[in-house]
């Protein structure tokens, strides 16, 4: 299962050529928003002072509030300088909301410009998994991740824990190898 490392996510952000690409990737990588949430978000829902994006749900019962980093808010202000209302990210053709598949295509297009291994498999879902792993690695709780992703049940969020378990396993094996190596060198020193 493909999950981007943090340096690969930064490489993906650096591969963006325009403001729309930069915003879409930043909203997905840094905030864990899904393409549907980004596609339906409106400028009126963005609070630049508090750096939050309020996402009213049409199909779900709960609303969602996403904390957004100030840099993303600045880029959004530049992108939508001429507009006070309307879609957060606009479609070039219709001047309305971007559709979900257009965001998938945008992520694929940006990923192909990078040197990330398996870059043809990078999708918004991979970016969401990357966000979840980084959230949990930095000490965030599964319950707060559940609220961030607006999952109804905790078990639907708990499967993201397996992504950090691979890191724990890898670090454990690496640590044990180092200990064994140190023990061998100590025994060699004692013998000689």
Protein backbone atom coordinates (compact mmCIF):
# COMPACT_ATOMS: atom_id res chain seq x y z
CA UNK A 1 0.00 0.00 0.00
CA UNK A 2 1.44 3.33 -1.09
CA UNK A 3 1.84 6.12 1.45
CA UNK A 4 4.03 9.10 0.80
CA UNK A 5 6.81 10.07 3.15
CA UNK A 6 6.88 13.69 4.25
CA UNK A 7 9.73 14.57 1.86
CA UNK A 8 7.75 13.04 -1.02
CA UNK A 9 4.69 15.10 -0.07
CA UNK A 10 6.87 18.22 -0.11
CA UNK A 11 8.22 17.19 -3.50
CA UNK A 12 4.61 16.89 -4.70
CA UNK A 13 3.85 20.39 -3.40
CA UNK A 14 6.94 21.77 -5.14
CA UNK A 15 5.83 20.23 -8.44
CA UNK A 16 2.70 22.43 -8.58
CA UNK A 17 2.77 24.93 -11.43
CA UNK A 18 -0.17 27.17 -10.58
CA UNK A 19 -2.15 28.38 -7.57
CA UNK A 20 -5.06 26.01 -8.09
CA UNK A 21 -2.76 22.98 -8.04
CA UNK A 22 -0.90 24.32 -5.01
CA UNK A 23 -4.12 24.90 -3.08
CA UNK A 24 -5.68 21.55 -3.95
CA UNK A 25 -2.57 19.60 -2.95
CA UNK A 26 -2.10 21.66 0.24
CA UNK A 27 -5.72 21.12 1.29
CA UNK A 28 -5.32 17.36 0.75
CA UNK A 29 -1.83 16.84 2.22
CA UNK A 30 -1.84 19.31 5.10
CA UNK A 31 -5.52 19.09 6.08
CA UNK A 32 -6.62 15.61 5.03
CA UNK A 33 -9.59 16.91 3.07
CA UNK A 34 -11.15 14.60 0.50
CA UNK A 35 -11.72 15.68 -3.12
CA UNK A 36 -15.47 15.89 -2.45
CA UNK A 37 -14.94 18.25 0.49
CA UNK A 38 -12.62 20.47 -1.55
CA UNK A 39 -14.91 20.39 -4.58
CA UNK A 40 -17.94 21.58 -2.59
CA UNK A 41 -16.15 24.11 -0.37
CA UNK A 42 -16.91 27.78 -0.92
CA UNK A 43 -14.95 30.97 -0.22
CA UNK A 44 -17.61 32.02 2.30
CA UNK A 45 -16.71 28.95 4.38
CA UNK A 46 -13.09 30.07 4.83
CA UNK A 47 -12.26 32.16 7.88
CA UNK A 48 -8.86 33.79 7.17
CA UNK A 49 -8.47 35.20 10.68
CA UNK A 50 -9.03 31.93 12.56
CA UNK A 51 -7.47 29.86 9.72
CA UNK A 52 -10.37 27.42 9.59
CA UNK A 53 -12.56 26.08 6.81
CA UNK A 54 -16.14 25.33 7.84
CA UNK A 55 -17.54 22.56 5.64
CA UNK A 56 -21.32 22.29 5.86
CA UNK A 57 -22.50 18.79 4.98
CA UNK A 58 -25.36 18.35 2.58
CA UNK A 59 -25.45 14.56 2.56
CA UNK A 60 -24.14 13.89 6.06
CA UNK A 61 -25.60 14.94 9.38
CA UNK A 62 -22.52 16.60 10.88
CA UNK A 63 -20.63 19.67 9.77
CA UNK A 64 -16.83 19.68 9.70
CA UNK A 65 -14.27 22.29 10.63
CA UNK A 66 -10.79 21.94 9.15
CA UNK A 67 -7.86 23.84 10.63
CA UNK A 68 -5.80 25.32 7.83
CA UNK A 69 -2.26 26.58 8.02
CA UNK A 70 -1.82 30.36 7.51
CA UNK A 71 0.30 29.84 4.37
CA UNK A 72 -2.59 28.07 2.65
CA UNK A 73 -4.92 30.92 3.64
CA UNK A 74 -2.49 33.44 2.09
CA UNK A 75 -2.32 31.46 -1.15
CA UNK A 76 -6.13 31.18 -1.18
CA UNK A 77 -6.40 34.97 -0.74
CA UNK A 78 -4.15 35.49 -3.78
CA UNK A 79 -6.06 32.89 -5.80
CA UNK A 80 -9.47 34.38 -5.04
CA UNK A 81 -8.52 38.08 -4.84
CA UNK A 82 -11.23 39.10 -7.30
CA UNK A 83 -14.01 37.09 -5.63
CA UNK A 84 -15.82 37.33 -2.30
CA UNK A 85 -18.22 34.44 -2.92
CA UNK A 86 -18.30 31.23 -4.86
CA UNK A 87 -16.35 27.98 -5.06
CA UNK A 88 -13.05 27.72 -3.22
CA UNK A 89 -11.46 26.19 -6.32
CA UNK A 90 -13.09 27.02 -9.65
CA UNK A 91 -13.31 25.01 -12.82
CA UNK A 92 -11.76 26.67 -15.86
CA UNK A 93 -14.56 25.54 -18.15
CA UNK A 94 -17.68 26.24 -16.14
CA UNK A 95 -16.36 28.82 -13.65
CA UNK A 96 -18.25 26.78 -11.06
CA UNK A 97 -17.11 24.12 -8.60
CA UNK A 98 -14.40 21.69 -9.60
CA UNK A 99 -15.78 18.20 -9.90
CA UNK A 100 -14.31 15.31 -7.91
CA UNK A 101 -12.72 13.57 -10.91
CA UNK A 102 -11.02 16.83 -11.93
CA UNK A 103 -9.25 16.91 -8.55
CA UNK A 104 -8.16 13.29 -9.05
CA UNK A 105 -6.78 14.22 -12.48
CA UNK A 106 -5.05 17.27 -10.99
CA UNK A 107 -3.27 15.13 -8.36
CA UNK A 108 -2.24 12.58 -11.00
CA UNK A 109 -0.89 15.33 -13.28
CA UNK A 110 1.17 16.90 -10.49
CA UNK A 111 2.45 13.50 -9.30
CA UNK A 112 3.73 12.62 -12.77
CA UNK A 113 6.02 15.67 -12.63
CA UNK A 114 7.84 14.30 -9.58
CA UNK A 115 10.41 11.54 -9.08
CA UNK A 116 8.32 9.74 -6.44
CA UNK A 117 8.43 5.95 -6.87
CA UNK A 118 5.08 4.60 -8.15
CA UNK A 119 4.05 8.16 -8.94
CA UNK A 120 1.36 6.93 -11.35
CA UNK A 121 -0.46 5.44 -8.33
CA UNK A 122 -0.58 8.70 -6.34
CA UNK A 123 -4.17 9.78 -5.73
CA UNK A 124 -6.12 11.92 -3.26
CA UNK A 125 -6.70 8.81 -1.16
CA UNK A 126 -2.93 8.34 -0.86
CA UNK A 127 -2.64 11.97 0.27
CA UNK A 128 -5.34 11.38 2.89
CA UNK A 129 -3.47 8.32 4.17
CA UNK A 130 -0.27 10.36 4.28
CA UNK A 131 -2.03 13.02 6.34
CA UNK A 132 -3.42 10.37 8.71
CA UNK A 133 -0.01 8.75 9.23
CA UNK A 134 1.71 12.06 9.91
CA UNK A 135 -1.13 13.06 12.26
CA UNK A 136 -0.79 9.88 14.29
CA UNK A 137 3.03 9.91 14.23
CA UNK A 138 3.08 13.44 15.62
CA UNK A 139 0.94 12.39 18.58
CA UNK A 140 -2.60 13.11 17.37
CA UNK A 141 -5.31 10.84 18.71
CA UNK A 142 -7.50 8.54 16.66
CA UNK A 143 -10.60 10.26 18.07
CA UNK A 144 -9.46 13.68 16.84
CA UNK A 145 -8.60 12.13 13.45
CA UNK A 146 -12.12 10.70 13.40
CA UNK A 147 -13.52 14.22 13.84
CA UNK A 148 -11.16 15.59 11.19
CA UNK A 149 -12.32 12.97 8.67
CA UNK A 150 -15.97 13.16 9.85
CA UNK A 151 -16.19 9.40 10.28
CA UNK A 152 -19.26 8.17 12.11
CA UNK A 153 -17.57 5.17 13.73
CA UNK A 154 -14.17 5.00 15.38
CA UNK A 155 -13.38 1.64 13.72
CA UNK A 156 -13.49 3.31 10.30
CA UNK A 157 -10.69 5.63 11.46
CA UNK A 158 -8.75 3.04 13.48
CA UNK A 159 -7.55 1.25 10.34
CA UNK A 160 -5.18 4.20 9.77
CA UNK A 161 -3.21 2.91 12.79
CA UNK A 162 -1.77 0.11 10.66
CA UNK A 163 0.17 2.70 8.64
CA UNK A 164 2.17 3.74 11.69
CA UNK A 165 2.58 0.14 12.86
CA UNK A 166 4.80 -0.48 9.82
CA UNK A 167 6.99 2.43 10.95
CA UNK A 168 7.12 1.07 14.50
CA UNK A 169 8.10 -2.37 13.20
CA UNK A 170 10.78 -0.91 10.92
CA UNK A 171 12.28 1.22 13.70
CA UNK A 172 12.26 -1.74 16.09
CA UNK A 173 14.14 -3.97 13.63
CA UNK A 174 16.64 -1.19 12.94
CA UNK A 175 17.18 -0.62 16.66
CA UNK A 176 17.66 -4.33 17.37
CA UNK A 177 20.23 -4.64 14.58
CA UNK A 178 22.17 -1.74 16.06
CA UNK A 179 22.12 -3.32 19.53
CA UNK A 180 23.31 -6.67 18.15
CA UNK A 181 26.09 -4.92 16.24
CA UNK A 182 27.19 -3.06 19.40
CA UNK A 183 27.17 -6.30 21.40
CA UNK A 184 29.35 -7.98 18.77
CA UNK A 185 31.86 -5.14 18.77
CA UNK A 186 32.02 -5.21 22.59
CA UNK A 187 32.70 -8.94 22.60
CA UNK A 188 35.44 -8.50 19.98
CA UNK A 189 37.06 -5.78 22.10
CA UNK A 190 36.96 -7.99 25.20
CA UNK A 191 38.58 -10.90 23.38
CA UNK A 192 41.40 -8.80 21.94
